[in-house]
Amino acid sequence: MIDGFKRRKGGQYISVQNELEGDNLMSEESHVLIGKKPVMKYVSACMASFNAGSKRVVLKARGKAISRAVDAAELLRRVFMKDVEVEKIEIGTEEVERQNGIKLNVSTMEISLIKK
């Protein structure tokens, strides 16, 4: 579990609050955390979420994975699901402390996609 989200198959994360509220977990929003896997893994995770009934999918990435999140969103939107559009993009910075005590700033991005 990461910050109130529970991991599901395919790299998807759902809100623990949604899980407590009922059976219809995929109806509102699902999250896909972007990492080091190939871009198509994230595209297929987004497609699976939309096909399972999600109205919104949020791609979350930090650091070097931001470009992979943009690639996944554009591939999904332009090639695989033409009825998906970008709702909003949020950018930010997180302060991360390394093991040796040095604090680093890491860029973050969230891309919210909705199905028309």
PDB file of N, CA and C in Angstrom:
ATOM      1  N   MET A   1       0.851  -1.171   0.000  1.00  0.00           N
ATOM      2  CA  MET A   1       0.000   0.000   0.000  1.00  0.00           C
ATOM      3  C   MET A   1       0.899   1.238   0.000  1.00  0.00           C
ATOM      4  N   ILE A   2       0.561   2.214  -0.854  1.00  0.00           N
ATOM      5  CA  ILE A   2       1.330   3.441  -0.970  1.00  0.00           C
ATOM      6  C   ILE A   2       0.393   4.618  -0.771  1.00  0.00           C
ATOM      7  N   ASP A   3       0.640   5.415   0.273  1.00  0.00           N
ATOM      8  CA  ASP A   3      -0.105   6.656   0.508  1.00  0.00           C
ATOM      9  C   ASP A   3      -1.609   6.523   0.285  1.00  0.00           C
ATOM     10  N   GLY A   4      -2.242   5.534   0.883  1.00  0.00           N
ATOM     11  CA  GLY A   4      -3.681   5.385   0.783  1.00  0.00           C
ATOM     12  C   GLY A   4      -4.161   4.664  -0.459  1.00  0.00           C
ATOM     13  N   PHE A   5      -3.236   4.084  -1.227  1.00  0.00           N
ATOM     14  CA  PHE A   5      -3.594   3.343  -2.426  1.00  0.00           C
ATOM     15  C   PHE A   5      -3.149   1.898  -2.283  1.00  0.00           C
ATOM     16  N   LYS A   6      -3.935   0.998  -2.824  1.00  0.00           N
ATOM     17  CA  LYS A   6      -3.646  -0.422  -2.780  1.00  0.00           C
ATOM     18  C   LYS A   6      -3.324  -0.896  -4.192  1.00  0.00           C
ATOM     19  N   ARG A   7      -2.255  -1.694  -4.332  1.00  0.00           N
ATOM     20  CA  ARG A   7      -1.825  -2.151  -5.643  1.00  0.00           C
ATOM     21  C   ARG A   7      -2.748  -3.241  -6.167  1.00  0.00           C
ATOM     22  N   ARG A   8      -3.082  -3.147  -7.453  1.00  0.00           N
ATOM     23  CA  ARG A   8      -3.850  -4.168  -8.147  1.00  0.00           C
ATOM     24  C   ARG A   8      -3.002  -4.718  -9.270  1.00  0.00           C
ATOM     25  N   LYS A   9      -3.457  -5.767  -9.879  1.00  0.00           N
ATOM     26  CA  LYS A   9      -2.733  -6.413 -10.973  1.00  0.00           C
ATOM     27  C   LYS A   9      -2.482  -5.433 -12.121  1.00  0.00           C
ATOM     28  N   GLY A  10      -1.297  -5.512 -12.720  1.00  0.00           N
ATOM     29  CA  GLY A  10      -0.963  -4.685 -13.873  1.00  0.00           C
ATOM     30  C   GLY A  10      -0.416  -3.315 -13.516  1.00  0.00           C
ATOM     31  N   GLY A  11       0.003  -3.105 -12.272  1.00  0.00           N
ATOM     32  CA  GLY A  11       0.571  -1.829 -11.886  1.00  0.00           C
ATOM     33  C   GLY A  11      -0.452  -0.775 -11.536  1.00  0.00           C
ATOM     34  N   GLN A  12      -1.726  -1.129 -11.493  1.00  0.00           N
ATOM     35  CA  GLN A  12      -2.777  -0.171 -11.179  1.00  0.00           C
ATOM     36  C   GLN A  12      -2.891  -0.031  -9.668  1.00  0.00           C
ATOM     37  N   TYR A  13      -3.244   1.162  -9.241  1.00  0.00           N
ATOM     38  CA  TYR A  13      -3.485   1.411  -7.833  1.00  0.00           C
ATOM     39  C   TYR A  13      -4.894   1.970  -7.688  1.00  0.00           C
ATOM     40  N   ILE A  14      -5.581   1.541  -6.631  1.00  0.00           N
ATOM     41  CA  ILE A  14      -6.906   2.085  -6.355  1.00  0.00           C
ATOM     42  C   ILE A  14      -6.905   2.661  -4.951  1.00  0.00           C
ATOM     43  N   SER A  15      -7.766   3.602  -4.718  1.00  0.00           N
ATOM     44  CA  SER A  15      -7.878   4.227  -3.414  1.00  0.00           C
ATOM     45  C   SER A  15      -8.439   3.229  -2.410  1.00  0.00           C
ATOM     46  N   VAL A  16      -7.826   3.169  -1.249  1.00  0.00           N
ATOM     47  CA  VAL A  16      -8.328   2.282  -0.193  1.00  0.00           C
ATOM     48  C   VAL A  16      -9.720   2.726   0.214  1.00  0.00           C
ATOM     49  N   GLN A  17     -10.009   4.026   0.158  1.00  0.00           N
ATOM     50  CA  GLN A  17     -11.337   4.536   0.489  1.00  0.00           C
ATOM     51  C   GLN A  17     -12.373   3.971  -0.470  1.00  0.00           C
ATOM     52  N   ASN A  18     -12.051   3.896  -1.781  1.00  0.00           N
ATOM     53  CA  ASN A  18     -12.986   3.315  -2.745  1.00  0.00           C
ATOM     54  C   ASN A  18     -13.238   1.854  -2.441  1.00  0.00           C
ATOM     55  N   GLU A  19     -12.209   1.142  -1.993  1.00  0.00           N
ATOM     56  CA  GLU A  19     -12.366  -0.269  -1.679  1.00  0.00           C
ATOM     57  C   GLU A  19     -13.298  -0.460  -0.486  1.00  0.00           C
ATOM     58  N   LEU A  20     -13.229   0.446   0.476  1.00  0.00           N
ATOM     59  CA  LEU A  20     -14.075   0.333   1.658  1.00  0.00           C
ATOM     60  C   LEU A  20     -15.530   0.686   1.358  1.00  0.00           C
ATOM     61  N   GLU A  21     -15.771   1.483   0.315  1.00  0.00           N
ATOM     62  CA  GLU A  21     -17.117   1.947   0.031  1.00  0.00           C
ATOM     63  C   GLU A  21     -17.980   0.953  -0.726  1.00  0.00           C
ATOM     64  N   GLY A  22     -17.397  -0.048  -1.388  1.00  0.00           N
ATOM     65  CA  GLY A  22     -18.256  -0.993  -2.075  1.00  0.00           C
ATOM     66  C   GLY A  22     -17.561  -1.807  -3.136  1.00  0.00           C
ATOM     67  N   ASP A  23     -18.374  -2.574  -3.867  1.00  0.00           N
ATOM     68  CA  ASP A  23     -17.860  -3.505  -4.859  1.00  0.00           C
ATOM     69  C   ASP A  23     -17.424  -2.840  -6.161  1.00  0.00           C
ATOM     70  N   ASN A  24     -17.995  -1.720  -6.504  1.00  0.00           N
ATOM     71  CA  ASN A  24     -17.740  -1.089  -7.793  1.00  0.00           C
ATOM     72  C   ASN A  24     -16.448  -0.272  -7.737  1.00  0.00           C
ATOM     73  N   LEU A  25     -15.314  -0.968  -7.637  1.00  0.00           N
ATOM     74  CA  LEU A  25     -14.028  -0.320  -7.415  1.00  0.00           C
ATOM     75  C   LEU A  25     -13.526   0.455  -8.624  1.00  0.00           C
ATOM     76  N   MET A  26     -13.776  -0.048  -9.809  1.00  0.00           N
ATOM     77  CA  MET A  26     -13.181   0.542 -10.993  1.00  0.00           C
ATOM     78  C   MET A  26     -14.081   1.593 -11.638  1.00  0.00           C
ATOM     79  N   SER A  27     -15.201   1.956 -11.011  1.00  0.00           N
ATOM     80  CA  SER A  27     -16.165   2.827 -11.673  1.00  0.00           C
ATOM     81  C   SER A  27     -15.718   4.277 -11.753  1.00  0.00           C
ATOM     82  N   GLU A  28     -15.010   4.785 -10.786  1.00  0.00           N
ATOM     83  CA  GLU A  28     -14.693   6.199 -10.780  1.00  0.00           C
ATOM     84  C   GLU A  28     -13.294   6.495 -11.313  1.00  0.00           C
ATOM     85  N   GLU A  29     -12.268   6.069 -10.597  1.00  0.00           N
ATOM     86  CA  GLU A  29     -10.920   6.489 -10.924  1.00  0.00           C
ATOM     87  C   GLU A  29      -9.924   5.398 -10.566  1.00  0.00           C
ATOM     88  N   SER A  30      -8.949   5.202 -11.426  1.00  0.00           N
ATOM     89  CA  SER A  30      -7.858   4.299 -11.094  1.00  0.00           C
ATOM     90  C   SER A  30      -6.547   5.005 -11.382  1.00  0.00           C
ATOM     91  N   HIS A  31      -5.499   4.568 -10.718  1.00  0.00           N
ATOM     92  CA  HIS A  31      -4.189   5.193 -10.827  1.00  0.00           C
ATOM     93  C   HIS A  31      -3.194   4.195 -11.389  1.00  0.00           C
ATOM     94  N   VAL A  32      -2.341   4.654 -12.268  1.00  0.00           N
ATOM     95  CA  VAL A  32      -1.272   3.833 -12.816  1.00  0.00           C
ATOM     96  C   VAL A  32       0.027   4.557 -12.497  1.00  0.00           C
ATOM     97  N   LEU A  33       0.875   3.912 -11.696  1.00  0.00           N
ATOM     98  CA  LEU A  33       2.163   4.487 -11.342  1.00  0.00           C
ATOM     99  C   LEU A  33       3.184   4.086 -12.392  1.00  0.00           C
ATOM    100  N   ILE A  34       3.859   5.062 -12.967  1.00  0.00           N
ATOM    101  CA  ILE A  34       4.801   4.827 -14.048  1.00  0.00           C
ATOM    102  C   ILE A  34       6.192   4.621 -13.458  1.00  0.00           C
ATOM    103  N   GLY A  35       6.862   3.568 -13.945  1.00  0.00           N
ATOM    104  CA  GLY A  35       8.208   3.250 -13.475  1.00  0.00           C
ATOM    105  C   GLY A  35       9.132   2.947 -14.629  1.00  0.00           C
ATOM    106  N   LYS A  36       9.837   1.817 -14.523  1.00  0.00           N
ATOM    107  CA  LYS A  36      10.863   1.469 -15.508  1.00  0.00           C
ATOM    108  C   LYS A  36      10.419   0.454 -16.554  1.00  0.00           C
ATOM    109  N   LYS A  37       9.200  -0.008 -16.489  1.00  0.00           N
ATOM    110  CA  LYS A  37       8.729  -1.005 -17.456  1.00  0.00           C
ATOM    111  C   LYS A  37       8.569  -0.371 -18.834  1.00  0.00           C
ATOM    112  N   PRO A  38       8.452  -1.188 -19.876  1.00  0.00           N
ATOM    113  CA  PRO A  38       8.205  -0.634 -21.215  1.00  0.00           C
ATOM    114  C   PRO A  38       6.873   0.120 -21.267  1.00  0.00           C
ATOM    115  N   VAL A  39       6.806   1.109 -22.131  1.00  0.00           N
ATOM    116  CA  VAL A  39       5.638   1.995 -22.234  1.00  0.00           C
ATOM    117  C   VAL A  39       4.360   1.211 -22.495  1.00  0.00           C
ATOM    118  N   MET A  40       4.427   0.181 -23.319  1.00  0.00           N
ATOM    119  CA  MET A  40       3.224  -0.576 -23.672  1.00  0.00           C
ATOM    120  C   MET A  40       2.589  -1.260 -22.460  1.00  0.00           C
ATOM    121  N   LYS A  41       3.357  -1.581 -21.438  1.00  0.00           N
ATOM    122  CA  LYS A  41       2.779  -2.156 -20.208  1.00  0.00           C
ATOM    123  C   LYS A  41       1.816  -1.165 -19.568  1.00  0.00           C
ATOM    124  N   TYR A  42       2.188   0.107 -19.565  1.00  0.00           N
ATOM    125  CA  TYR A  42       1.344   1.132 -18.960  1.00  0.00           C
ATOM    126  C   TYR A  42       0.146   1.458 -19.846  1.00  0.00           C
ATOM    127  N   VAL A  43       0.351   1.412 -21.147  1.00  0.00           N
ATOM    128  CA  VAL A  43      -0.768   1.623 -22.079  1.00  0.00           C
ATOM    129  C   VAL A  43      -1.806   0.521 -21.876  1.00  0.00           C
ATOM    130  N   SER A  44      -1.352  -0.730 -21.779  1.00  0.00           N
ATOM    131  CA  SER A  44      -2.299  -1.838 -21.591  1.00  0.00           C
ATOM    132  C   SER A  44      -2.971  -1.769 -20.220  1.00  0.00           C
ATOM    133  N   ALA A  45      -2.259  -1.285 -19.194  1.00  0.00           N
ATOM    134  CA  ALA A  45      -2.878  -1.123 -17.873  1.00  0.00           C
ATOM    135  C   ALA A  45      -3.991  -0.070 -17.927  1.00  0.00           C
ATOM    136  N   CYS A  46      -3.753   1.009 -18.666  1.00  0.00           N
ATOM    137  CA  CYS A  46      -4.782   2.047 -18.824  1.00  0.00           C
ATOM    138  C   CYS A  46      -5.978   1.513 -19.598  1.00  0.00           C
ATOM    139  N   MET A  47      -5.712   0.773 -20.668  1.00  0.00           N
ATOM    140  CA  MET A  47      -6.804   0.199 -21.459  1.00  0.00           C
ATOM    141  C   MET A  47      -7.629  -0.763 -20.622  1.00  0.00           C
ATOM    142  N   ALA A  48      -6.963  -1.566 -19.807  1.00  0.00           N
ATOM    143  CA  ALA A  48      -7.679  -2.512 -18.946  1.00  0.00           C
ATOM    144  C   ALA A  48      -8.560  -1.767 -17.941  1.00  0.00           C
ATOM    145  N   SER A  49      -8.059  -0.665 -17.404  1.00  0.00           N
ATOM    146  CA  SER A  49      -8.855   0.121 -16.452  1.00  0.00           C
ATOM    147  C   SER A  49     -10.085   0.712 -17.115  1.00  0.00           C
ATOM    148  N   PHE A  50      -9.911   1.293 -18.288  1.00  0.00           N
ATOM    149  CA  PHE A  50     -11.060   1.864 -18.997  1.00  0.00           C
ATOM    150  C   PHE A  50     -12.052   0.773 -19.392  1.00  0.00           C
ATOM    151  N   ASN A  51     -11.563  -0.358 -19.860  1.00  0.00           N
ATOM    152  CA  ASN A  51     -12.457  -1.452 -20.260  1.00  0.00           C
ATOM    153  C   ASN A  51     -13.167  -2.075 -19.080  1.00  0.00           C
ATOM    154  N   ALA A  52     -12.593  -1.942 -17.879  1.00  0.00           N
ATOM    155  CA  ALA A  52     -13.238  -2.465 -16.677  1.00  0.00           C
ATOM    156  C   ALA A  52     -14.282  -1.502 -16.124  1.00  0.00           C
ATOM    157  N   GLY A  53     -14.392  -0.318 -16.727  1.00  0.00           N
ATOM    158  CA  GLY A  53     -15.433   0.604 -16.320  1.00  0.00           C
ATOM    159  C   GLY A  53     -14.967   1.896 -15.682  1.00  0.00           C
ATOM    160  N   SER A  54     -13.673   2.121 -15.573  1.00  0.00           N
ATOM    161  CA  SER A  54     -13.194   3.379 -14.991  1.00  0.00           C
ATOM    162  C   SER A  54     -13.558   4.546 -15.888  1.00  0.00           C
ATOM    163  N   LYS A  55     -13.968   5.626 -15.267  1.00  0.00           N
ATOM    164  CA  LYS A  55     -14.270   6.839 -16.018  1.00  0.00           C
ATOM    165  C   LYS A  55     -13.020   7.700 -16.171  1.00  0.00           C
ATOM    166  N   ARG A  56     -12.094   7.559 -15.222  1.00  0.00           N
ATOM    167  CA  ARG A  56     -10.875   8.363 -15.226  1.00  0.00           C
ATOM    168  C   ARG A  56      -9.685   7.491 -14.841  1.00  0.00           C
ATOM    169  N   VAL A  57      -8.586   7.679 -15.547  1.00  0.00           N
ATOM    170  CA  VAL A  57      -7.327   7.013 -15.212  1.00  0.00           C
ATOM    171  C   VAL A  57      -6.281   8.101 -15.017  1.00  0.00           C
ATOM    172  N   VAL A  58      -5.541   8.003 -13.907  1.00  0.00           N
ATOM    173  CA  VAL A  58      -4.513   8.991 -13.601  1.00  0.00           C
ATOM    174  C   VAL A  58      -3.153   8.308 -13.696  1.00  0.00           C
ATOM    175  N   LEU A  59      -2.304   8.832 -14.581  1.00  0.00           N
ATOM    176  CA  LEU A  59      -0.927   8.354 -14.705  1.00  0.00           C
ATOM    177  C   LEU A  59      -0.065   9.212 -13.788  1.00  0.00           C
ATOM    178  N   LYS A  60       0.684   8.560 -12.881  1.00  0.00           N
ATOM    179  CA  LYS A  60       1.537   9.286 -11.949  1.00  0.00           C
ATOM    180  C   LYS A  60       2.986   8.897 -12.199  1.00  0.00           C
ATOM    181  N   ALA A  61       3.865   9.906 -12.290  1.00  0.00           N
ATOM    182  CA  ALA A  61       5.281   9.636 -12.549  1.00  0.00           C
ATOM    183  C   ALA A  61       6.142  10.641 -11.802  1.00  0.00           C
ATOM    184  N   ARG A  62       7.381  10.183 -11.519  1.00  0.00           N
ATOM    185  CA  ARG A  62       8.385  11.057 -10.895  1.00  0.00           C
ATOM    186  C   ARG A  62       9.693  10.944 -11.658  1.00  0.00           C
ATOM    187  N   GLY A  63      10.431  12.029 -11.702  1.00  0.00           N
ATOM    188  CA  GLY A  63      11.779  12.026 -12.254  1.00  0.00           C
ATOM    189  C   GLY A  63      11.848  11.616 -13.716  1.00  0.00           C
ATOM    190  N   LYS A  64      12.747  10.664 -13.996  1.00  0.00           N
ATOM    191  CA  LYS A  64      12.981  10.221 -15.371  1.00  0.00           C
ATOM    192  C   LYS A  64      11.784   9.512 -15.992  1.00  0.00           C
ATOM    193  N   ALA A  65      10.854   9.055 -15.176  1.00  0.00           N
ATOM    194  CA  ALA A  65       9.679   8.334 -15.684  1.00  0.00           C
ATOM    195  C   ALA A  65       8.621   9.271 -16.256  1.00  0.00           C
ATOM    196  N   ILE A  66       8.791  10.572 -16.104  1.00  0.00           N
ATOM    197  CA  ILE A  66       7.797  11.525 -16.608  1.00  0.00           C
ATOM    198  C   ILE A  66       7.644  11.393 -18.118  1.00  0.00           C
ATOM    199  N   SER A  67       8.742  11.250 -18.835  1.00  0.00           N
ATOM    200  CA  SER A  67       8.645  11.123 -20.297  1.00  0.00           C
ATOM    201  C   SER A  67       7.924   9.847 -20.699  1.00  0.00           C
ATOM    202  N   ARG A  68       8.081   8.792 -19.911  1.00  0.00           N
ATOM    203  CA  ARG A  68       7.382   7.538 -20.189  1.00  0.00           C
ATOM    204  C   ARG A  68       5.885   7.696 -19.960  1.00  0.00           C
ATOM    205  N   ALA A  69       5.495   8.482 -18.968  1.00  0.00           N
ATOM    206  CA  ALA A  69       4.073   8.736 -18.707  1.00  0.00           C
ATOM    207  C   ALA A  69       3.448   9.525 -19.858  1.00  0.00           C
ATOM    208  N   VAL A  70       4.171  10.505 -20.373  1.00  0.00           N
ATOM    209  CA  VAL A  70       3.676  11.290 -21.503  1.00  0.00           C
ATOM    210  C   VAL A  70       3.535  10.394 -22.731  1.00  0.00           C
ATOM    211  N   ASP A  71       4.537   9.543 -22.976  1.00  0.00           N
ATOM    212  CA  ASP A  71       4.470   8.620 -24.114  1.00  0.00           C
ATOM    213  C   ASP A  71       3.269   7.682 -23.997  1.00  0.00           C
ATOM    214  N   ALA A  72       3.041   7.145 -22.793  1.00  0.00           N
ATOM    215  CA  ALA A  72       1.918   6.227 -22.586  1.00  0.00           C
ATOM    216  C   ALA A  72       0.589   6.931 -22.834  1.00  0.00           C
ATOM    217  N   ALA A  73       0.447   8.153 -22.323  1.00  0.00           N
ATOM    218  CA  ALA A  73      -0.805   8.899 -22.512  1.00  0.00           C
ATOM    219  C   ALA A  73      -1.037   9.206 -23.992  1.00  0.00           C
ATOM    220  N   GLU A  74      -0.001   9.607 -24.702  1.00  0.00           N
ATOM    221  CA  GLU A  74      -0.152   9.947 -26.117  1.00  0.00           C
ATOM    222  C   GLU A  74      -0.427   8.712 -26.973  1.00  0.00           C
ATOM    223  N   LEU A  75       0.244   7.606 -26.696  1.00  0.00           N
ATOM    224  CA  LEU A  75      -0.035   6.360 -27.426  1.00  0.00           C
ATOM    225  C   LEU A  75      -1.477   5.921 -27.209  1.00  0.00           C
ATOM    226  N   LEU A  76      -1.904   5.944 -25.966  1.00  0.00           N
ATOM    227  CA  LEU A  76      -3.272   5.535 -25.647  1.00  0.00           C
ATOM    228  C   LEU A  76      -4.278   6.417 -26.376  1.00  0.00           C
ATOM    229  N   ARG A  77      -4.056   7.704 -26.338  1.00  0.00           N
ATOM    230  CA  ARG A  77      -4.988   8.684 -26.871  1.00  0.00           C
ATOM    231  C   ARG A  77      -5.001   8.728 -28.396  1.00  0.00           C
ATOM    232  N   ARG A  78      -3.861   8.587 -29.028  1.00  0.00           N
ATOM    233  CA  ARG A  78      -3.781   8.750 -30.482  1.00  0.00           C
ATOM    234  C   ARG A  78      -3.896   7.450 -31.269  1.00  0.00           C
ATOM    235  N   VAL A  79      -3.511   6.312 -30.660  1.00  0.00           N
ATOM    236  CA  VAL A  79      -3.462   5.056 -31.405  1.00  0.00           C
ATOM    237  C   VAL A  79      -4.524   4.067 -30.950  1.00  0.00           C
ATOM    238  N   PHE A  80      -4.611   3.815 -29.651  1.00  0.00           N
ATOM    239  CA  PHE A  80      -5.415   2.703 -29.155  1.00  0.00           C
ATOM    240  C   PHE A  80      -6.843   3.072 -28.768  1.00  0.00           C
ATOM    241  N   MET A  81      -7.046   4.211 -28.133  1.00  0.00           N
ATOM    242  CA  MET A  81      -8.390   4.605 -27.700  1.00  0.00           C
ATOM    243  C   MET A  81      -8.596   6.068 -28.070  1.00  0.00           C
ATOM    244  N   LYS A  82      -9.151   6.291 -29.240  1.00  0.00           N
ATOM    245  CA  LYS A  82      -9.307   7.656 -29.741  1.00  0.00           C
ATOM    246  C   LYS A  82     -10.387   8.447 -29.006  1.00  0.00           C
ATOM    247  N   ASP A  83     -11.178   7.766 -28.167  1.00  0.00           N
ATOM    248  CA  ASP A  83     -12.209   8.461 -27.395  1.00  0.00           C
ATOM    249  C   ASP A  83     -11.724   8.881 -26.009  1.00  0.00           C
ATOM    250  N   VAL A  84     -10.429   8.811 -25.770  1.00  0.00           N
ATOM    251  CA  VAL A  84      -9.840   9.235 -24.498  1.00  0.00           C
ATOM    252  C   VAL A  84      -9.191  10.593 -24.707  1.00  0.00           C
ATOM    253  N   GLU A  85      -9.401  11.484 -23.754  1.00  0.00           N
ATOM    254  CA  GLU A  85      -8.760  12.797 -23.847  1.00  0.00           C
ATOM    255  C   GLU A  85      -8.133  13.174 -22.510  1.00  0.00           C
ATOM    256  N   VAL A  86      -7.195  14.110 -22.562  1.00  0.00           N
ATOM    257  CA  VAL A  86      -6.511  14.582 -21.364  1.00  0.00           C
ATOM    258  C   VAL A  86      -7.424  15.568 -20.646  1.00  0.00           C
ATOM    259  N   GLU A  87      -7.721  15.257 -19.398  1.00  0.00           N
ATOM    260  CA  GLU A  87      -8.576  16.145 -18.604  1.00  0.00           C
ATOM    261  C   GLU A  87      -7.737  17.259 -17.980  1.00  0.00           C
ATOM    262  N   LYS A  88      -6.644  16.883 -17.321  1.00  0.00           N
ATOM    263  CA  LYS A  88      -5.761  17.879 -16.720  1.00  0.00           C
ATOM    264  C   LYS A  88      -4.377  17.273 -16.499  1.00  0.00           C
ATOM    265  N   ILE A  89      -3.409  18.142 -16.378  1.00  0.00           N
ATOM    266  CA  ILE A  89      -2.027  17.746 -16.096  1.00  0.00           C
ATOM    267  C   ILE A  89      -1.558  18.559 -14.907  1.00  0.00           C
ATOM    268  N   GLU A  90      -1.072  17.863 -13.885  1.00  0.00           N
ATOM    269  CA  GLU A  90      -0.551  18.538 -12.699  1.00  0.00           C
ATOM    270  C   GLU A  90       0.939  18.251 -12.590  1.00  0.00           C
ATOM    271  N   ILE A  91       1.719  19.304 -12.352  1.00  0.00           N
ATOM    272  CA  ILE A  91       3.151  19.134 -12.155  1.00  0.00           C
ATOM    273  C   ILE A  91       3.513  19.638 -10.776  1.00  0.00           C
ATOM    274  N   GLY A  92       4.599  19.092 -10.241  1.00  0.00           N
ATOM    275  CA  GLY A  92       5.018  19.511  -8.918  1.00  0.00           C
ATOM    276  C   GLY A  92       6.416  19.022  -8.607  1.00  0.00           C
ATOM    277  N   THR A  93       6.822  19.248  -7.371  1.00  0.00           N
ATOM    278  CA  THR A  93       8.140  18.845  -6.893  1.00  0.00           C
ATOM    279  C   THR A  93       7.993  18.213  -5.521  1.00  0.00           C
ATOM    280  N   GLU A  94       8.679  17.095  -5.320  1.00  0.00           N
ATOM    281  CA  GLU A  94       8.724  16.446  -4.011  1.00  0.00           C
ATOM    282  C   GLU A  94      10.156  16.508  -3.499  1.00  0.00           C
ATOM    283  N   GLU A  95      10.281  16.695  -2.207  1.00  0.00           N
ATOM    284  CA  GLU A  95      11.602  16.658  -1.594  1.00  0.00           C
ATOM    285  C   GLU A  95      11.834  15.259  -1.051  1.00  0.00           C
ATOM    286  N   VAL A  96      12.899  14.609  -1.536  1.00  0.00           N
ATOM    287  CA  VAL A  96      13.205  13.237  -1.152  1.00  0.00           C
ATOM    288  C   VAL A  96      14.539  13.228  -0.413  1.00  0.00           C
ATOM    289  N   GLU A  97      14.571  12.530   0.712  1.00  0.00           N
ATOM    290  CA  GLU A  97      15.817  12.426   1.472  1.00  0.00           C
ATOM    291  C   GLU A  97      16.491  11.098   1.167  1.00  0.00           C
ATOM    292  N   ARG A  98      17.753  11.157   0.760  1.00  0.00           N
ATOM    293  CA  ARG A  98      18.520   9.948   0.455  1.00  0.00           C
ATOM    294  C   ARG A  98      18.994   9.303   1.750  1.00  0.00           C
ATOM    295  N   GLN A  99      19.561   8.118   1.626  1.00  0.00           N
ATOM    296  CA  GLN A  99      20.032   7.378   2.796  1.00  0.00           C
ATOM    297  C   GLN A  99      21.132   8.118   3.546  1.00  0.00           C
ATOM    298  N   ASN A 100      21.975   8.860   2.824  1.00  0.00           N
ATOM    299  CA  ASN A 100      23.065   9.580   3.473  1.00  0.00           C
ATOM    300  C   ASN A 100      22.627  10.942   4.019  1.00  0.00           C
ATOM    301  N   GLY A 101      21.338  11.249   3.984  1.00  0.00           N
ATOM    302  CA  GLY A 101      20.810  12.460   4.578  1.00  0.00           C
ATOM    303  C   GLY A 101      20.685  13.640   3.632  1.00  0.00           C
ATOM    304  N   ILE A 102      21.143  13.509   2.408  1.00  0.00           N
ATOM    305  CA  ILE A 102      21.051  14.594   1.435  1.00  0.00           C
ATOM    306  C   ILE A 102      19.622  14.683   0.918  1.00  0.00           C
ATOM    307  N   LYS A 103      19.097  15.907   0.856  1.00  0.00           N
ATOM    308  CA  LYS A 103      17.742  16.120   0.351  1.00  0.00           C
ATOM    309  C   LYS A 103      17.807  16.520  -1.113  1.00  0.00           C
ATOM    310  N   LEU A 104      16.961  15.875  -1.929  1.00  0.00           N
ATOM    311  CA  LEU A 104      16.889  16.152  -3.359  1.00  0.00           C
ATOM    312  C   LEU A 104      15.476  16.562  -3.737  1.00  0.00           C
ATOM    313  N   ASN A 105      15.369  17.405  -4.740  1.00  0.00           N
ATOM    314  CA  ASN A 105      14.064  17.753  -5.304  1.00  0.00           C
ATOM    315  C   ASN A 105      13.816  16.866  -6.520  1.00  0.00           C
ATOM    316  N   VAL A 106      12.652  16.227  -6.558  1.00  0.00           N
ATOM    317  CA  VAL A 106      12.285  15.343  -7.660  1.00  0.00           C
ATOM    318  C   VAL A 106      10.996  15.874  -8.286  1.00  0.00           C
ATOM    319  N   SER A 107      11.004  16.035  -9.597  1.00  0.00           N
ATOM    320  CA  SER A 107       9.820  16.503 -10.313  1.00  0.00           C
ATOM    321  C   SER A 107       8.757  15.415 -10.348  1.00  0.00           C
ATOM    322  N   THR A 108       7.491  15.821 -10.300  1.00  0.00           N
ATOM    323  CA  THR A 108       6.373  14.882 -10.371  1.00  0.00           C
ATOM    324  C   THR A 108       5.371  15.365 -11.418  1.00  0.00           C
ATOM    325  N   MET A 109       4.619  14.403 -11.962  1.00  0.00           N
ATOM    326  CA  MET A 109       3.575  14.747 -12.919  1.00  0.00           C
ATOM    327  C   MET A 109       2.422  13.762 -12.785  1.00  0.00           C
ATOM    328  N   GLU A 110       1.208  14.292 -12.855  1.00  0.00           N
ATOM    329  CA  GLU A 110      -0.003  13.466 -12.891  1.00  0.00           C
ATOM    330  C   GLU A 110      -0.786  13.861 -14.140  1.00  0.00           C
ATOM    331  N   ILE A 111      -1.091  12.868 -14.959  1.00  0.00           N
ATOM    332  CA  ILE A 111      -1.880  13.099 -16.164  1.00  0.00           C
ATOM    333  C   ILE A 111      -3.217  12.404 -15.991  1.00  0.00           C
ATOM    334  N   SER A 112      -4.300  13.177 -15.950  1.00  0.00           N
ATOM    335  CA  SER A 112      -5.638  12.614 -15.805  1.00  0.00           C
ATOM    336  C   SER A 112      -6.271  12.444 -17.168  1.00  0.00           C
ATOM    337  N   LEU A 113      -6.674  11.213 -17.467  1.00  0.00           N
ATOM    338  CA  LEU A 113      -7.309  10.886 -18.733  1.00  0.00           C
ATOM    339  C   LEU A 113      -8.761  10.502 -18.476  1.00  0.00           C
ATOM    340  N   ILE A 114      -9.667  10.976 -19.323  1.00  0.00           N
ATOM    341  CA  ILE A 114     -11.076  10.603 -19.198  1.00  0.00           C
ATOM    342  C   ILE A 114     -11.560  10.050 -20.540  1.00  0.00           C
ATOM    343  N   LYS A 115     -12.539   9.172 -20.429  1.00  0.00           N
ATOM    344  CA  LYS A 115     -13.153   8.589 -21.624  1.00  0.00           C
ATOM    345  C   LYS A 115     -14.381   9.399 -21.972  1.00  0.00           C
ATOM    346  N   LYS A 116     -14.497   9.819 -23.224  1.00  0.00           N
ATOM    347  CA  LYS A 116     -15.634  10.637 -23.671  1.00  0.00           C
ATOM    348  C   LYS A 116     -16.923   9.849 -23.643  1.00  0.00           C
TER     349      LYS A 116
END
